[in-house]
Amino acid sequence: MIGEVKPSAHVRFGQNLCRLRTTAKFTQEALAEKADLSRRYIQEMEAGHKNPTVNTVVQLKKALRCSWDDLFLHTDA
């Protein structure tokens, strides 16, 4: 569609993160503890307000026991 605004990669990453977290039945607080991050940072990434570093993404991947593909699904579209 002409003029359609697509979410940025970090917004889509946040959507994927939220989906993976809820599928794993983690609260934001539980994921934050498991990934050694703050709950607020998890919340801000899921909302698309924070663009995580590679190190943060690695921590999240380990905590969620997911694939790179799961975390980055549709972030390039």
PDB file of N, CA and C in Angstrom:
ATOM      1  N   MET A   1       0.845  -1.167   0.000  1.00  0.00           N
ATOM      2  CA  MET A   1       0.000   0.000   0.000  1.00  0.00           C
ATOM      3  C   MET A   1       0.896   1.237   0.000  1.00  0.00           C
ATOM      4  N   ILE A   2       0.541   2.205  -0.783  1.00  0.00           N
ATOM      5  CA  ILE A   2       1.312   3.440  -0.875  1.00  0.00           C
ATOM      6  C   ILE A   2       1.171   4.214   0.430  1.00  0.00           C
ATOM      7  N   GLY A   3       2.311   4.684   0.937  1.00  0.00           N
ATOM      8  CA  GLY A   3       2.315   5.467   2.158  1.00  0.00           C
ATOM      9  C   GLY A   3       2.191   4.656   3.438  1.00  0.00           C
ATOM     10  N   GLU A   4       2.189   3.336   3.312  1.00  0.00           N
ATOM     11  CA  GLU A   4       2.089   2.489   4.503  1.00  0.00           C
ATOM     12  C   GLU A   4       3.367   2.601   5.324  1.00  0.00           C
ATOM     13  N   VAL A   5       3.213   2.854   6.594  1.00  0.00           N
ATOM     14  CA  VAL A   5       4.360   2.960   7.485  1.00  0.00           C
ATOM     15  C   VAL A   5       4.575   1.614   8.154  1.00  0.00           C
ATOM     16  N   LYS A   6       5.767   1.047   7.949  1.00  0.00           N
ATOM     17  CA  LYS A   6       6.091  -0.244   8.551  1.00  0.00           C
ATOM     18  C   LYS A   6       6.873  -0.011   9.832  1.00  0.00           C
ATOM     19  N   PRO A   7       6.605  -0.831  10.840  1.00  0.00           N
ATOM     20  CA  PRO A   7       7.362  -0.684  12.092  1.00  0.00           C
ATOM     21  C   PRO A   7       8.855  -0.913  11.862  1.00  0.00           C
ATOM     22  N   SER A   8       9.662  -0.213  12.612  1.00  0.00           N
ATOM     23  CA  SER A   8      11.111  -0.374  12.499  1.00  0.00           C
ATOM     24  C   SER A   8      11.522  -1.733  13.055  1.00  0.00           C
ATOM     25  N   ALA A   9      12.768  -2.104  12.771  1.00  0.00           N
ATOM     26  CA  ALA A   9      13.273  -3.414  13.186  1.00  0.00           C
ATOM     27  C   ALA A   9      13.200  -3.596  14.698  1.00  0.00           C
ATOM     28  N   HIS A  10      13.530  -2.552  15.476  1.00  0.00           N
ATOM     29  CA  HIS A  10      13.514  -2.743  16.930  1.00  0.00           C
ATOM     30  C   HIS A  10      12.088  -2.832  17.477  1.00  0.00           C
ATOM     31  N   VAL A  11      11.120  -2.256  16.772  1.00  0.00           N
ATOM     32  CA  VAL A  11       9.718  -2.413  17.182  1.00  0.00           C
ATOM     33  C   VAL A  11       9.278  -3.848  16.923  1.00  0.00           C
ATOM     34  N   ARG A  12       9.625  -4.377  15.772  1.00  0.00           N
ATOM     35  CA  ARG A  12       9.287  -5.770  15.456  1.00  0.00           C
ATOM     36  C   ARG A  12      10.023  -6.731  16.395  1.00  0.00           C
ATOM     37  N   PHE A  13      11.271  -6.407  16.728  1.00  0.00           N
ATOM     38  CA  PHE A  13      12.006  -7.225  17.688  1.00  0.00           C
ATOM     39  C   PHE A  13      11.249  -7.256  19.013  1.00  0.00           C
ATOM     40  N   GLY A  14      10.773  -6.104  19.458  1.00  0.00           N
ATOM     41  CA  GLY A  14      10.014  -6.030  20.707  1.00  0.00           C
ATOM     42  C   GLY A  14       8.747  -6.867  20.663  1.00  0.00           C
ATOM     43  N   GLN A  15       8.079  -6.866  19.524  1.00  0.00           N
ATOM     44  CA  GLN A  15       6.880  -7.690  19.361  1.00  0.00           C
ATOM     45  C   GLN A  15       7.244  -9.177  19.454  1.00  0.00           C
ATOM     46  N   ASN A  16       8.340  -9.550  18.812  1.00  0.00           N
ATOM     47  CA  ASN A  16       8.796 -10.949  18.883  1.00  0.00           C
ATOM     48  C   ASN A  16       9.164 -11.324  20.308  1.00  0.00           C
ATOM     49  N   LEU A  17       9.856 -10.421  20.988  1.00  0.00           N
ATOM     50  CA  LEU A  17      10.258 -10.669  22.369  1.00  0.00           C
ATOM     51  C   LEU A  17       9.039 -10.907  23.250  1.00  0.00           C
ATOM     52  N   CYS A  18       8.040 -10.081  23.113  1.00  0.00           N
ATOM     53  CA  CYS A  18       6.816 -10.223  23.908  1.00  0.00           C
ATOM     54  C   CYS A  18       6.135 -11.557  23.602  1.00  0.00           C
ATOM     55  N   ARG A  19       6.041 -11.911  22.334  1.00  0.00           N
ATOM     56  CA  ARG A  19       5.430 -13.173  21.935  1.00  0.00           C
ATOM     57  C   ARG A  19       6.188 -14.363  22.526  1.00  0.00           C
ATOM     58  N   LEU A  20       7.508 -14.343  22.413  1.00  0.00           N
ATOM     59  CA  LEU A  20       8.322 -15.442  22.941  1.00  0.00           C
ATOM     60  C   LEU A  20       8.222 -15.532  24.461  1.00  0.00           C
ATOM     61  N   ARG A  21       8.218 -14.378  25.120  1.00  0.00           N
ATOM     62  CA  ARG A  21       8.127 -14.362  26.588  1.00  0.00           C
ATOM     63  C   ARG A  21       6.812 -14.938  27.063  1.00  0.00           C
ATOM     64  N   THR A  22       5.717 -14.518  26.428  1.00  0.00           N
ATOM     65  CA  THR A  22       4.410 -15.009  26.865  1.00  0.00           C
ATOM     66  C   THR A  22       4.226 -16.492  26.517  1.00  0.00           C
ATOM     67  N   THR A  23       4.769 -16.920  25.385  1.00  0.00           N
ATOM     68  CA  THR A  23       4.708 -18.337  25.017  1.00  0.00           C
ATOM     69  C   THR A  23       5.462 -19.183  26.038  1.00  0.00           C
ATOM     70  N   ALA A  24       6.587 -18.645  26.531  1.00  0.00           N
ATOM     71  CA  ALA A  24       7.379 -19.350  27.542  1.00  0.00           C
ATOM     72  C   ALA A  24       6.769 -19.224  28.938  1.00  0.00           C
ATOM     73  N   LYS A  25       5.677 -18.480  29.026  1.00  0.00           N
ATOM     74  CA  LYS A  25       4.964 -18.267  30.296  1.00  0.00           C
ATOM     75  C   LYS A  25       5.820 -17.558  31.346  1.00  0.00           C
ATOM     76  N   PHE A  26       6.633 -16.601  30.863  1.00  0.00           N
ATOM     77  CA  PHE A  26       7.428 -15.758  31.756  1.00  0.00           C
ATOM     78  C   PHE A  26       6.728 -14.419  31.918  1.00  0.00           C
ATOM     79  N   THR A  27       6.756 -13.886  33.117  1.00  0.00           N
ATOM     80  CA  THR A  27       6.393 -12.489  33.301  1.00  0.00           C
ATOM     81  C   THR A  27       7.592 -11.659  32.857  1.00  0.00           C
ATOM     82  N   GLN A  28       7.395 -10.363  32.700  1.00  0.00           N
ATOM     83  CA  GLN A  28       8.538  -9.501  32.380  1.00  0.00           C
ATOM     84  C   GLN A  28       9.576  -9.589  33.493  1.00  0.00           C
ATOM     85  N   GLU A  29       9.116  -9.646  34.713  1.00  0.00           N
ATOM     86  CA  GLU A  29      10.026  -9.726  35.858  1.00  0.00           C
ATOM     87  C   GLU A  29      10.827 -11.033  35.840  1.00  0.00           C
ATOM     88  N   ALA A  30      10.168 -12.147  35.545  1.00  0.00           N
ATOM     89  CA  ALA A  30      10.860 -13.440  35.504  1.00  0.00           C
ATOM     90  C   ALA A  30      11.896 -13.486  34.389  1.00  0.00           C
ATOM     91  N   LEU A  31      11.553 -12.958  33.220  1.00  0.00           N
ATOM     92  CA  LEU A  31      12.515 -12.918  32.123  1.00  0.00           C
ATOM     93  C   LEU A  31      13.675 -12.007  32.465  1.00  0.00           C
ATOM     94  N   ALA A  32      13.384 -10.873  33.068  1.00  0.00           N
ATOM     95  CA  ALA A  32      14.442  -9.939  33.456  1.00  0.00           C
ATOM     96  C   ALA A  32      15.426 -10.606  34.404  1.00  0.00           C
ATOM     97  N   GLU A  33      14.915 -11.329  35.372  1.00  0.00           N
ATOM     98  CA  GLU A  33      15.785 -12.011  36.327  1.00  0.00           C
ATOM     99  C   GLU A  33      16.624 -13.086  35.637  1.00  0.00           C
ATOM    100  N   LYS A  34      15.999 -13.864  34.782  1.00  0.00           N
ATOM    101  CA  LYS A  34      16.684 -14.948  34.079  1.00  0.00           C
ATOM    102  C   LYS A  34      17.752 -14.416  33.119  1.00  0.00           C
ATOM    103  N   ALA A  35      17.504 -13.255  32.518  1.00  0.00           N
ATOM    104  CA  ALA A  35      18.436 -12.663  31.552  1.00  0.00           C
ATOM    105  C   ALA A  35      19.374 -11.645  32.199  1.00  0.00           C
ATOM    106  N   ASP A  36      19.244 -11.432  33.500  1.00  0.00           N
ATOM    107  CA  ASP A  36      20.062 -10.460  34.237  1.00  0.00           C
ATOM    108  C   ASP A  36      19.892  -9.047  33.679  1.00  0.00           C
ATOM    109  N   LEU A  37      18.624  -8.680  33.482  1.00  0.00           N
ATOM    110  CA  LEU A  37      18.256  -7.347  33.006  1.00  0.00           C
ATOM    111  C   LEU A  37      17.189  -6.788  33.940  1.00  0.00           C
ATOM    112  N   SER A  38      16.849  -5.530  33.774  1.00  0.00           N
ATOM    113  CA  SER A  38      15.773  -4.969  34.599  1.00  0.00           C
ATOM    114  C   SER A  38      14.424  -5.205  33.933  1.00  0.00           C
ATOM    115  N   ARG A  39      13.390  -5.302  34.737  1.00  0.00           N
ATOM    116  CA  ARG A  39      12.036  -5.459  34.215  1.00  0.00           C
ATOM    117  C   ARG A  39      11.666  -4.270  33.341  1.00  0.00           C
ATOM    118  N   ARG A  40      12.071  -3.109  33.759  1.00  0.00           N
ATOM    119  CA  ARG A  40      11.776  -1.881  33.005  1.00  0.00           C
ATOM    120  C   ARG A  40      12.403  -1.943  31.604  1.00  0.00           C
ATOM    121  N   TYR A  41      13.616  -2.475  31.508  1.00  0.00           N
ATOM    122  CA  TYR A  41      14.291  -2.584  30.210  1.00  0.00           C
ATOM    123  C   TYR A  41      13.551  -3.569  29.312  1.00  0.00           C
ATOM    124  N   ILE A  42      13.078  -4.686  29.869  1.00  0.00           N
ATOM    125  CA  ILE A  42      12.277  -5.654  29.110  1.00  0.00           C
ATOM    126  C   ILE A  42      11.019  -4.956  28.593  1.00  0.00           C
ATOM    127  N   GLN A  43      10.363  -4.239  29.475  1.00  0.00           N
ATOM    128  CA  GLN A  43       9.135  -3.517  29.119  1.00  0.00           C
ATOM    129  C   GLN A  43       9.393  -2.521  27.982  1.00  0.00           C
ATOM    130  N   GLU A  44      10.479  -1.775  28.068  1.00  0.00           N
ATOM    131  CA  GLU A  44      10.777  -0.765  27.058  1.00  0.00           C
ATOM    132  C   GLU A  44      11.171  -1.393  25.718  1.00  0.00           C
ATOM    133  N   MET A  45      11.855  -2.532  25.749  1.00  0.00           N
ATOM    134  CA  MET A  45      12.165  -3.231  24.489  1.00  0.00           C
ATOM    135  C   MET A  45      10.887  -3.747  23.846  1.00  0.00           C
ATOM    136  N   GLU A  46      10.013  -4.358  24.639  1.00  0.00           N
ATOM    137  CA  GLU A  46       8.762  -4.892  24.099  1.00  0.00           C
ATOM    138  C   GLU A  46       7.894  -3.788  23.507  1.00  0.00           C
ATOM    139  N   ALA A  47       7.958  -2.609  24.083  1.00  0.00           N
ATOM    140  CA  ALA A  47       7.173  -1.473  23.586  1.00  0.00           C
ATOM    141  C   ALA A  47       7.829  -0.804  22.371  1.00  0.00           C
ATOM    142  N   GLY A  48       9.043  -1.239  22.037  1.00  0.00           N
ATOM    143  CA  GLY A  48       9.738  -0.652  20.894  1.00  0.00           C
ATOM    144  C   GLY A  48      10.439   0.647  21.199  1.00  0.00           C
ATOM    145  N   HIS A  49      10.632   0.946  22.488  1.00  0.00           N
ATOM    146  CA  HIS A  49      11.290   2.190  22.890  1.00  0.00           C
ATOM    147  C   HIS A  49      12.793   2.049  23.058  1.00  0.00           C
ATOM    148  N   LYS A  50      13.276   0.821  23.167  1.00  0.00           N
ATOM    149  CA  LYS A  50      14.715   0.579  23.342  1.00  0.00           C
ATOM    150  C   LYS A  50      15.205  -0.335  22.232  1.00  0.00           C
ATOM    151  N   ASN A  51      16.394  -0.051  21.754  1.00  0.00           N
ATOM    152  CA  ASN A  51      17.043  -0.852  20.728  1.00  0.00           C
ATOM    153  C   ASN A  51      18.186  -1.600  21.417  1.00  0.00           C
ATOM    154  N   PRO A  52      18.016  -2.906  21.689  1.00  0.00           N
ATOM    155  CA  PRO A  52      18.992  -3.634  22.500  1.00  0.00           C
ATOM    156  C   PRO A  52      20.334  -3.837  21.803  1.00  0.00           C
ATOM    157  N   THR A  53      21.364  -3.980  22.611  1.00  0.00           N
ATOM    158  CA  THR A  53      22.700  -4.287  22.094  1.00  0.00           C
ATOM    159  C   THR A  53      22.775  -5.773  21.754  1.00  0.00           C
ATOM    160  N   VAL A  54      23.813  -6.159  21.055  1.00  0.00           N
ATOM    161  CA  VAL A  54      24.022  -7.564  20.724  1.00  0.00           C
ATOM    162  C   VAL A  54      24.142  -8.385  22.000  1.00  0.00           C
ATOM    163  N   ASN A  55      24.866  -7.892  22.983  1.00  0.00           N
ATOM    164  CA  ASN A  55      25.021  -8.621  24.244  1.00  0.00           C
ATOM    165  C   ASN A  55      23.675  -8.853  24.927  1.00  0.00           C
ATOM    166  N   THR A  56      22.811  -7.865  24.889  1.00  0.00           N
ATOM    167  CA  THR A  56      21.484  -8.003  25.487  1.00  0.00           C
ATOM    168  C   THR A  56      20.674  -9.055  24.749  1.00  0.00           C
ATOM    169  N   VAL A  57      20.759  -9.046  23.427  1.00  0.00           N
ATOM    170  CA  VAL A  57      20.024 -10.033  22.629  1.00  0.00           C
ATOM    171  C   VAL A  57      20.516 -11.449  22.938  1.00  0.00           C
ATOM    172  N   VAL A  58      21.818 -11.609  23.115  1.00  0.00           N
ATOM    173  CA  VAL A  58      22.372 -12.918  23.469  1.00  0.00           C
ATOM    174  C   VAL A  58      21.822 -13.369  24.818  1.00  0.00           C
ATOM    175  N   GLN A  59      21.761 -12.468  25.785  1.00  0.00           N
ATOM    176  CA  GLN A  59      21.213 -12.804  27.104  1.00  0.00           C
ATOM    177  C   GLN A  59      19.752 -13.234  26.994  1.00  0.00           C
ATOM    178  N   LEU A  60      18.983 -12.519  26.183  1.00  0.00           N
ATOM    179  CA  LEU A  60      17.575 -12.847  26.006  1.00  0.00           C
ATOM    180  C   LEU A  60      17.410 -14.198  25.309  1.00  0.00           C
ATOM    181  N   LYS A  61      18.221 -14.441  24.287  1.00  0.00           N
ATOM    182  CA  LYS A  61      18.174 -15.706  23.548  1.00  0.00           C
ATOM    183  C   LYS A  61      18.434 -16.885  24.480  1.00  0.00           C
ATOM    184  N   LYS A  62      19.442 -16.741  25.332  1.00  0.00           N
ATOM    185  CA  LYS A  62      19.753 -17.810  26.290  1.00  0.00           C
ATOM    186  C   LYS A  62      18.620 -17.999  27.297  1.00  0.00           C
ATOM    187  N   ALA A  63      18.086 -16.914  27.799  1.00  0.00           N
ATOM    188  CA  ALA A  63      17.025 -16.991  28.808  1.00  0.00           C
ATOM    189  C   ALA A  63      15.755 -17.616  28.237  1.00  0.00           C
ATOM    190  N   LEU A  64      15.450 -17.298  26.984  1.00  0.00           N
ATOM    191  CA  LEU A  64      14.234 -17.802  26.353  1.00  0.00           C
ATOM    192  C   LEU A  64      14.433 -19.154  25.669  1.00  0.00           C
ATOM    193  N   ARG A  65      15.702 -19.542  25.517  1.00  0.00           N
ATOM    194  CA  ARG A  65      16.033 -20.796  24.829  1.00  0.00           C
ATOM    195  C   ARG A  65      15.352 -20.852  23.462  1.00  0.00           C
ATOM    196  N   CYS A  66      15.572 -19.795  22.703  1.00  0.00           N
ATOM    197  CA  CYS A  66      14.953 -19.689  21.386  1.00  0.00           C
ATOM    198  C   CYS A  66      16.029 -19.525  20.318  1.00  0.00           C
ATOM    199  N   SER A  67      15.616 -19.539  19.082  1.00  0.00           N
ATOM    200  CA  SER A  67      16.553 -19.386  17.972  1.00  0.00           C
ATOM    201  C   SER A  67      16.702 -17.909  17.607  1.00  0.00           C
ATOM    202  N   TRP A  68      17.750 -17.646  16.857  1.00  0.00           N
ATOM    203  CA  TRP A  68      17.940 -16.289  16.332  1.00  0.00           C
ATOM    204  C   TRP A  68      16.760 -15.941  15.432  1.00  0.00           C
ATOM    205  N   ASP A  69      16.319 -16.907  14.644  1.00  0.00           N
ATOM    206  CA  ASP A  69      15.194 -16.666  13.738  1.00  0.00           C
ATOM    207  C   ASP A  69      13.947 -16.244  14.516  1.00  0.00           C
ATOM    208  N   ASP A  70      13.694 -16.893  15.650  1.00  0.00           N
ATOM    209  CA  ASP A  70      12.526 -16.533  16.450  1.00  0.00           C
ATOM    210  C   ASP A  70      12.597 -15.080  16.902  1.00  0.00           C
ATOM    211  N   LEU A  71      13.762 -14.661  17.342  1.00  0.00           N
ATOM    212  CA  LEU A  71      13.912 -13.287  17.832  1.00  0.00           C
ATOM    213  C   LEU A  71      13.825 -12.247  16.729  1.00  0.00           C
ATOM    214  N   PHE A  72      14.306 -12.607  15.548  1.00  0.00           N
ATOM    215  CA  PHE A  72      14.393 -11.613  14.472  1.00  0.00           C
ATOM    216  C   PHE A  72      13.372 -11.832  13.353  1.00  0.00           C
ATOM    217  N   LEU A  73      12.342 -12.622  13.607  1.00  0.00           N
ATOM    218  CA  LEU A  73      11.299 -12.879  12.629  1.00  0.00           C
ATOM    219  C   LEU A  73      10.685 -11.572  12.132  1.00  0.00           C
ATOM    220  N   HIS A  74      10.730 -11.362  10.850  1.00  0.00           N
ATOM    221  CA  HIS A  74      10.121 -10.199  10.175  1.00  0.00           C
ATOM    222  C   HIS A  74      10.714  -8.847  10.570  1.00  0.00           C
ATOM    223  N   THR A  75      11.928  -8.816  11.114  1.00  0.00           N
ATOM    224  CA  THR A  75      12.514  -7.516  11.461  1.00  0.00           C
ATOM    225  C   THR A  75      13.093  -6.817  10.245  1.00  0.00           C
ATOM    226  N   ASP A  76      13.259  -7.527   9.139  1.00  0.00           N
ATOM    227  CA  ASP A  76      13.828  -6.918   7.939  1.00  0.00           C
ATOM    228  C   ASP A  76      12.788  -6.529   6.908  1.00  0.00           C
ATOM    229  N   ALA A  77      11.518  -6.785   7.179  1.00  0.00           N
ATOM    230  CA  ALA A  77      10.463  -6.487   6.219  1.00  0.00           C
ATOM    231  C   ALA A  77      10.106  -5.018   6.206  1.00  0.00           C
TER     232      ALA A  77
END
